[in-house]
Amino acid sequence: MKVLIADDEQDMLKILKAYFEKEGFQVLLAKDGEEALELFYEEKIDLAILDWMMPKRNGITVCQEIKKNSSVKVLVLTAKSENEDELVALQSGADEYVKKPFHPGILLTRAKKLLNQGNRIQVKDLLIDVTKNKVYKNDKELEITKTELELIKCFLNHKGTILTRKKLLDIVWGFAYFGDERTVDTHVRRLRKKIGEDIIKTHHGLGYSLEDACE
């Protein structure tokens, strides 16, 4: 899994990089908010760890932009200690909030827990194991392409939300993709043949959504 860590304290970045790489994570480092967003748009990350008080753009505004454009998990770091600050972070879309100072091992544990939340999700007769990247229908494993798996994950991370073709393209194919939006229809059609016609709902003129899921 790929983790983005953004903090203007270089010593902190080095320490966290060592801890996360030892556990098998691929780590991207950013020294300010603008660099963090550049990496977010260039790379497909699974988790963003953002310091609140960063130069150029603070962690809260970076969190808001990441959440607006993706389903990436976000953990905010801060030296602030007021309860109101934690509320601001969570309202900005952050999935977790860790106060400084902290032990790197504790942060690593929090990050792992965040990434493993809801790792087995049931949708009718479909079981999605997000951690193992496997999909089962009636207990039989399906042959799913990487793009189809990313589509499923995208729908799971936006439960109850109608996703437009453009939104799906941005999240699954990436912001650098300039192809026809109808490619989404093609992949959804192929995916439906494998998982069932009624799992992904079509909202004519709007987009697609996933049937209600439970963890």
Foldseek 3Di string as FASTA:
>chain_A
DEEEEEALDPVVVVVLCVVVVVVPYHYHYHNFLVVSVVCVQVDPHQEYEAEQDGPPHGPLVSLLVDVVQELHAYEYEYQDDDPVVVVSSVVSPHPYYYYPPDDSVVVVVVVVVVSCPPQWKDDPQWIHRNVVLWIDGVNHTFDDDPLLSQLVVRQVSVAPDFAALVSSCCHRVGPPDDDDSCVVVVSVVVSCVTHHVPQWDADPPTHIHGHDMDD
